[in-house]
Amino acid sequence: QVQVVESGGGLVQAGGSLRLSCAASGGTFIGHGMGWFRQAPGKEREFVGAISWSGTTMYTDSAKGRFTISRDNAKNTVYLQMNSLKPEDTAVYYCAASTTRTVTSGLSGYSYWGQGTQVTVSS
C-alpha cells in the first residue's frame, strides 16, 4: 500500500512562488500516476494537475502556465512548483497516487491520499 506525505506549504505573498513535495513509500512508485488536488474552505476538492509514470502531465486551466509538476522516480517524490501565486490559490493541497500509471483528473482515480499541506497566498 502506497503512503504519501506532502510538505512545503506555507504563507506567501501574491506573485510569489512555492514548491510542494510529495514523498511516496510502501509501494512501487513508478507504477502510479501522481496527482495534485486542492480544497479551499467551503469548496469541494478540485484537480490541479497530474503526472504519469513516464512524465506526461496534465493541468487544470487555472494552473496552466503557472504550475509545473515533475517527478523524481529515484527519490519516489513528486513536486508541484507554483509560480505567480494568487490569493485564490489559497487552499489545502493534497497529493495522491493513482490506481494506474497514467494521468487522470477524477478523484475516483486515486486511491492513496496524503494529509495535505496548507498554502496561503496573501494579497
N, C-alpha and C. Protein backbone atom coordinates (compact mmCIF):
# COMPACT_ATOMS: atom_id res chain seq x y z
N GLN A 1 0.83 -1.18 0.00
CA GLN A 1 0.00 0.00 0.00
C GLN A 1 0.87 1.24 0.00
N VAL A 2 0.54 2.17 -0.89
CA VAL A 2 1.33 3.39 -1.03
C VAL A 2 0.92 4.40 0.03
N GLN A 3 1.90 5.04 0.61
CA GLN A 3 1.66 6.16 1.53
C GLN A 3 2.32 7.39 0.94
N VAL A 4 1.63 8.52 1.05
CA VAL A 4 2.17 9.77 0.51
C VAL A 4 2.13 10.84 1.59
N VAL A 5 3.16 11.67 1.61
CA VAL A 5 3.27 12.74 2.59
C VAL A 5 3.68 14.03 1.88
N GLU A 6 2.84 15.06 2.02
CA GLU A 6 3.13 16.34 1.39
C GLU A 6 3.94 17.23 2.34
N SER A 7 4.69 18.14 1.74
CA SER A 7 5.41 19.14 2.51
C SER A 7 5.65 20.35 1.63
N GLY A 8 6.03 21.45 2.28
CA GLY A 8 6.41 22.63 1.53
C GLY A 8 5.39 23.76 1.52
N GLY A 9 4.25 23.54 2.15
CA GLY A 9 3.26 24.61 2.19
C GLY A 9 3.70 25.76 3.07
N GLY A 10 2.95 26.84 3.01
CA GLY A 10 3.27 27.98 3.83
C GLY A 10 2.53 29.22 3.41
N LEU A 11 2.99 30.35 3.92
CA LEU A 11 2.39 31.64 3.61
C LEU A 11 3.28 32.38 2.63
N VAL A 12 2.69 32.89 1.58
CA VAL A 12 3.45 33.61 0.56
C VAL A 12 2.62 34.78 0.06
N GLN A 13 3.28 35.82 -0.36
CA GLN A 13 2.57 36.96 -0.92
C GLN A 13 2.16 36.69 -2.36
N ALA A 14 1.14 37.36 -2.78
CA ALA A 14 0.69 37.24 -4.16
C ALA A 14 1.84 37.56 -5.11
N GLY A 15 1.95 36.73 -6.14
CA GLY A 15 3.05 36.87 -7.08
C GLY A 15 4.26 36.02 -6.74
N GLY A 16 4.27 35.46 -5.55
CA GLY A 16 5.39 34.65 -5.11
C GLY A 16 5.30 33.22 -5.58
N SER A 17 6.24 32.42 -5.09
CA SER A 17 6.34 31.02 -5.51
C SER A 17 6.48 30.10 -4.31
N LEU A 18 6.03 28.87 -4.50
CA LEU A 18 6.22 27.81 -3.53
C LEU A 18 6.45 26.51 -4.30
N ARG A 19 7.20 25.61 -3.70
CA ARG A 19 7.35 24.28 -4.27
C ARG A 19 6.90 23.26 -3.23
N LEU A 20 5.89 22.51 -3.58
CA LEU A 20 5.41 21.44 -2.73
C LEU A 20 6.07 20.13 -3.13
N SER A 21 6.32 19.30 -2.14
CA SER A 21 6.88 17.98 -2.38
C SER A 21 5.91 16.92 -1.88
N CYS A 22 5.98 15.78 -2.51
CA CYS A 22 5.13 14.65 -2.12
C CYS A 22 6.02 13.41 -2.14
N ALA A 23 6.30 12.88 -0.96
CA ALA A 23 7.14 11.70 -0.84
C ALA A 23 6.26 10.46 -0.71
N ALA A 24 6.53 9.47 -1.53
CA ALA A 24 5.75 8.24 -1.52
C ALA A 24 6.57 7.08 -0.97
N SER A 25 5.90 6.17 -0.31
CA SER A 25 6.57 4.99 0.22
C SER A 25 5.60 3.83 0.27
N GLY A 26 6.14 2.64 0.45
CA GLY A 26 5.30 1.48 0.65
C GLY A 26 4.79 0.81 -0.60
N GLY A 27 5.23 1.23 -1.75
CA GLY A 27 4.75 0.59 -2.97
C GLY A 27 5.72 0.82 -4.11
N THR A 28 5.31 0.47 -5.30
CA THR A 28 6.13 0.68 -6.48
C THR A 28 5.78 2.04 -7.06
N PHE A 29 6.57 3.03 -6.73
CA PHE A 29 6.27 4.42 -7.08
C PHE A 29 6.07 4.59 -8.57
N ILE A 30 6.92 3.95 -9.35
CA ILE A 30 6.87 4.15 -10.78
C ILE A 30 5.60 3.56 -11.39
N GLY A 31 4.92 2.74 -10.61
CA GLY A 31 3.70 2.13 -11.11
C GLY A 31 2.47 3.00 -10.97
N HIS A 32 2.63 4.22 -10.48
CA HIS A 32 1.49 5.07 -10.21
C HIS A 32 1.62 6.42 -10.86
N GLY A 33 0.50 6.85 -11.48
CA GLY A 33 0.40 8.25 -11.80
C GLY A 33 0.18 9.01 -10.50
N MET A 34 0.61 10.26 -10.45
CA MET A 34 0.50 11.04 -9.23
C MET A 34 -0.24 12.33 -9.52
N GLY A 35 -1.14 12.70 -8.63
CA GLY A 35 -1.93 13.90 -8.85
C GLY A 35 -1.84 14.87 -7.69
N TRP A 36 -2.13 16.11 -8.02
CA TRP A 36 -2.24 17.16 -7.01
C TRP A 36 -3.66 17.72 -7.07
N PHE A 37 -4.23 17.88 -5.90
CA PHE A 37 -5.55 18.44 -5.76
C PHE A 37 -5.50 19.54 -4.69
N ARG A 38 -6.54 20.34 -4.62
CA ARG A 38 -6.61 21.34 -3.58
C ARG A 38 -8.05 21.52 -3.12
N GLN A 39 -8.17 21.99 -1.89
CA GLN A 39 -9.50 22.22 -1.34
C GLN A 39 -9.47 23.50 -0.51
N ALA A 40 -10.25 24.47 -0.98
CA ALA A 40 -10.38 25.74 -0.26
C ALA A 40 -11.54 25.63 0.73
N PRO A 41 -11.56 26.46 1.75
CA PRO A 41 -12.63 26.40 2.75
C PRO A 41 -14.00 26.55 2.10
N GLY A 42 -14.89 25.64 2.42
CA GLY A 42 -16.24 25.71 1.90
C GLY A 42 -16.41 25.24 0.47
N LYS A 43 -15.33 24.74 -0.12
CA LYS A 43 -15.41 24.30 -1.52
C LYS A 43 -15.04 22.82 -1.62
N GLU A 44 -15.39 22.24 -2.75
CA GLU A 44 -15.06 20.85 -2.99
C GLU A 44 -13.58 20.73 -3.39
N ARG A 45 -13.06 19.55 -3.15
CA ARG A 45 -11.69 19.27 -3.57
C ARG A 45 -11.65 19.28 -5.10
N GLU A 46 -10.64 19.94 -5.65
CA GLU A 46 -10.55 20.07 -7.10
C GLU A 46 -9.18 19.65 -7.61
N PHE A 47 -9.19 19.21 -8.83
CA PHE A 47 -7.98 18.77 -9.51
C PHE A 47 -7.10 19.96 -9.86
N VAL A 48 -5.80 19.82 -9.65
CA VAL A 48 -4.83 20.84 -10.04
C VAL A 48 -4.00 20.35 -11.22
N GLY A 49 -3.45 19.17 -11.11
CA GLY A 49 -2.64 18.61 -12.17
C GLY A 49 -2.19 17.21 -11.81
N ALA A 50 -1.60 16.53 -12.78
CA ALA A 50 -1.15 15.16 -12.56
C ALA A 50 0.01 14.84 -13.48
N ILE A 51 0.74 13.79 -13.11
CA ILE A 51 1.87 13.35 -13.92
C ILE A 51 1.85 11.83 -13.99
N SER A 52 2.08 11.31 -15.18
CA SER A 52 2.10 9.86 -15.36
C SER A 52 3.44 9.29 -14.92
N TRP A 53 3.53 7.97 -14.97
CA TRP A 53 4.77 7.32 -14.57
C TRP A 53 5.93 7.73 -15.46
N SER A 54 5.63 8.11 -16.71
CA SER A 54 6.68 8.45 -17.67
C SER A 54 6.92 9.95 -17.78
N GLY A 55 6.13 10.75 -17.05
CA GLY A 55 6.36 12.18 -17.07
C GLY A 55 5.35 13.00 -17.86
N THR A 56 4.37 12.35 -18.46
CA THR A 56 3.30 13.09 -19.13
C THR A 56 2.48 13.85 -18.10
N THR A 57 2.22 15.13 -18.38
CA THR A 57 1.50 15.94 -17.42
C THR A 57 0.18 16.47 -17.99
N MET A 58 -0.71 16.80 -17.08
CA MET A 58 -1.94 17.49 -17.44
C MET A 58 -2.27 18.44 -16.30
N TYR A 59 -2.91 19.57 -16.65
CA TYR A 59 -3.21 20.60 -15.68
C TYR A 59 -4.61 21.14 -15.88
N THR A 60 -5.17 21.64 -14.80
CA THR A 60 -6.41 22.36 -14.93
C THR A 60 -6.10 23.72 -15.53
N ASP A 61 -7.09 24.38 -16.11
CA ASP A 61 -6.85 25.64 -16.81
C ASP A 61 -6.23 26.69 -15.90
N SER A 62 -6.64 26.73 -14.64
CA SER A 62 -6.12 27.76 -13.73
C SER A 62 -4.65 27.54 -13.39
N ALA A 63 -4.16 26.34 -13.59
CA ALA A 63 -2.77 26.02 -13.26
C ALA A 63 -1.84 26.13 -14.48
N LYS A 64 -2.39 26.03 -15.65
CA LYS A 64 -1.55 26.06 -16.85
C LYS A 64 -0.75 27.35 -16.93
N GLY A 65 0.54 27.22 -17.20
CA GLY A 65 1.40 28.38 -17.33
C GLY A 65 1.95 28.91 -16.02
N ARG A 66 1.38 28.47 -14.90
CA ARG A 66 1.87 28.93 -13.59
C ARG A 66 2.43 27.80 -12.75
N PHE A 67 1.84 26.62 -12.87
CA PHE A 67 2.24 25.47 -12.05
C PHE A 67 2.94 24.44 -12.92
N THR A 68 3.92 23.76 -12.34
CA THR A 68 4.63 22.70 -13.04
C THR A 68 4.78 21.50 -12.12
N ILE A 69 4.39 20.34 -12.62
CA ILE A 69 4.53 19.10 -11.87
C ILE A 69 5.69 18.30 -12.46
N SER A 70 6.50 17.77 -11.58
CA SER A 70 7.61 16.92 -12.01
C SER A 70 7.74 15.77 -11.01
N ARG A 71 8.47 14.77 -11.41
CA ARG A 71 8.68 13.63 -10.51
C ARG A 71 10.10 13.13 -10.63
N ASP A 72 10.61 12.63 -9.51
CA ASP A 72 11.92 12.02 -9.46
C ASP A 72 11.68 10.59 -9.01
N ASN A 73 11.65 9.66 -9.94
CA ASN A 73 11.34 8.28 -9.60
C ASN A 73 12.41 7.65 -8.72
N ALA A 74 13.63 8.13 -8.83
CA ALA A 74 14.71 7.59 -7.98
C ALA A 74 14.50 7.97 -6.52
N LYS A 75 13.83 9.10 -6.30
CA LYS A 75 13.58 9.57 -4.93
C LYS A 75 12.15 9.33 -4.47
N ASN A 76 11.35 8.69 -5.34
CA ASN A 76 9.94 8.46 -5.01
C ASN A 76 9.23 9.74 -4.60
N THR A 77 9.49 10.79 -5.34
CA THR A 77 8.97 12.11 -4.96
C THR A 77 8.38 12.82 -6.18
N VAL A 78 7.28 13.50 -5.92
CA VAL A 78 6.64 14.34 -6.92
C VAL A 78 6.66 15.78 -6.41
N TYR A 79 6.80 16.71 -7.33
CA TYR A 79 6.88 18.11 -6.96
C TYR A 79 5.78 18.91 -7.67
N LEU A 80 5.34 19.95 -6.98
CA LEU A 80 4.43 20.92 -7.58
C LEU A 80 5.06 22.30 -7.40
N GLN A 81 5.61 22.82 -8.48
CA GLN A 81 6.18 24.16 -8.47
C GLN A 81 5.09 25.14 -8.82
N MET A 82 4.83 26.08 -7.92
CA MET A 82 3.76 27.05 -8.13
C MET A 82 4.36 28.45 -8.20
N ASN A 83 4.16 29.10 -9.32
CA ASN A 83 4.65 30.46 -9.54
C ASN A 83 3.48 31.41 -9.73
N SER A 84 3.76 32.69 -9.62
CA SER A 84 2.73 33.72 -9.82
C SER A 84 1.48 33.41 -9.02
N LEU A 85 1.67 33.11 -7.76
CA LEU A 85 0.55 32.70 -6.92
C LEU A 85 -0.43 33.84 -6.70
N LYS A 86 -1.70 33.45 -6.59
CA LYS A 86 -2.79 34.41 -6.40
C LYS A 86 -3.52 34.06 -5.10
N PRO A 87 -4.19 35.03 -4.51
CA PRO A 87 -4.96 34.73 -3.30
C PRO A 87 -5.96 33.58 -3.48
N GLU A 88 -6.49 33.46 -4.68
CA GLU A 88 -7.45 32.37 -4.92
C GLU A 88 -6.80 31.00 -5.00
N ASP A 89 -5.48 30.95 -4.94
CA ASP A 89 -4.79 29.66 -4.86
C ASP A 89 -4.73 29.15 -3.42
N THR A 90 -5.17 29.96 -2.48
CA THR A 90 -5.16 29.55 -1.08
C THR A 90 -6.05 28.33 -0.89
N ALA A 91 -5.45 27.28 -0.31
CA ALA A 91 -6.17 26.02 -0.12
C ALA A 91 -5.26 25.03 0.59
N VAL A 92 -5.83 23.93 0.98
CA VAL A 92 -5.02 22.78 1.40
C VAL A 92 -4.74 21.97 0.14
N TYR A 93 -3.48 21.69 -0.08
CA TYR A 93 -3.06 20.96 -1.27
C TYR A 93 -2.77 19.51 -0.90
N TYR A 94 -3.33 18.61 -1.69
CA TYR A 94 -3.20 17.18 -1.46
C TYR A 94 -2.48 16.51 -2.62
N CYS A 95 -1.66 15.56 -2.27
CA CYS A 95 -1.03 14.68 -3.24
C CYS A 95 -1.73 13.33 -3.18
N ALA A 96 -1.83 12.68 -4.32
CA ALA A 96 -2.49 11.38 -4.34
C ALA A 96 -1.84 10.48 -5.38
N ALA A 97 -1.86 9.19 -5.10
CA ALA A 97 -1.33 8.20 -6.02
C ALA A 97 -2.50 7.54 -6.76
N SER A 98 -2.36 7.51 -8.08
CA SER A 98 -3.43 6.95 -8.90
C SER A 98 -3.44 5.43 -8.86
N THR A 99 -4.53 4.87 -9.27
CA THR A 99 -4.63 3.42 -9.38
C THR A 99 -3.99 2.91 -10.68
N THR A 100 -3.61 3.84 -11.56
CA THR A 100 -2.97 3.45 -12.81
C THR A 100 -1.68 4.24 -12.99
N ARG A 101 -0.98 3.94 -14.06
CA ARG A 101 0.29 4.62 -14.34
C ARG A 101 0.08 5.90 -15.14
N THR A 102 -1.14 6.13 -15.59
CA THR A 102 -1.39 7.27 -16.47
C THR A 102 -1.93 8.46 -15.67
N VAL A 103 -2.29 9.52 -16.38
CA VAL A 103 -2.83 10.70 -15.74
C VAL A 103 -4.34 10.67 -15.81
N THR A 104 -4.96 11.19 -14.78
CA THR A 104 -6.40 11.30 -14.73
C THR A 104 -6.75 12.46 -13.82
N SER A 105 -7.87 13.13 -14.10
CA SER A 105 -8.27 14.29 -13.30
C SER A 105 -9.36 13.98 -12.28
N GLY A 106 -9.92 12.81 -12.34
CA GLY A 106 -11.01 12.48 -11.44
C GLY A 106 -10.53 11.97 -10.09
N LEU A 107 -11.19 12.43 -9.03
CA LEU A 107 -10.82 11.99 -7.69
C LEU A 107 -10.90 10.48 -7.55
N SER A 108 -11.85 9.88 -8.22
CA SER A 108 -12.05 8.43 -8.07
C SER A 108 -10.91 7.63 -8.65
N GLY A 109 -10.05 8.27 -9.41
CA GLY A 109 -8.91 7.57 -9.98
C GLY A 109 -7.72 7.45 -9.05
N TYR A 110 -7.89 7.96 -7.85
CA TYR A 110 -6.78 7.98 -6.89
C TYR A 110 -7.18 7.23 -5.63
N SER A 111 -6.30 6.35 -5.21
CA SER A 111 -6.60 5.50 -4.05
C SER A 111 -5.86 5.90 -2.79
N TYR A 112 -4.74 6.55 -2.96
CA TYR A 112 -3.89 6.84 -1.81
C TYR A 112 -3.67 8.34 -1.70
N TRP A 113 -4.06 8.89 -0.56
CA TRP A 113 -4.05 10.33 -0.36
C TRP A 113 -3.18 10.71 0.83
N GLY A 114 -2.54 11.88 0.70
CA GLY A 114 -1.81 12.42 1.83
C GLY A 114 -2.73 13.22 2.73
N GLN A 115 -2.15 13.78 3.78
CA GLN A 115 -2.91 14.56 4.75
C GLN A 115 -3.10 16.01 4.32
N GLY A 116 -2.34 16.44 3.35
CA GLY A 116 -2.47 17.80 2.84
C GLY A 116 -1.50 18.77 3.48
N THR A 117 -1.23 19.83 2.76
CA THR A 117 -0.36 20.90 3.27
C THR A 117 -1.02 22.24 2.93
N GLN A 118 -1.03 23.15 3.88
CA GLN A 118 -1.73 24.41 3.70
C GLN A 118 -0.89 25.39 2.91
N VAL A 119 -1.52 25.99 1.91
CA VAL A 119 -0.90 27.08 1.15
C VAL A 119 -1.79 28.31 1.32
N THR A 120 -1.21 29.39 1.78
CA THR A 120 -1.94 30.63 1.97
C THR A 120 -1.24 31.73 1.20
N VAL A 121 -1.99 32.38 0.32
CA VAL A 121 -1.44 33.46 -0.50
C VAL A 121 -2.10 34.76 -0.06
N SER A 122 -1.30 35.67 0.42
CA SER A 122 -1.83 36.94 0.90
C SER A 122 -1.80 37.98 -0.22
N SER A 123 -2.77 38.89 -0.16
CA SER A 123 -2.85 39.92 -1.22
C SER A 123 -2.06 41.17 -0.85
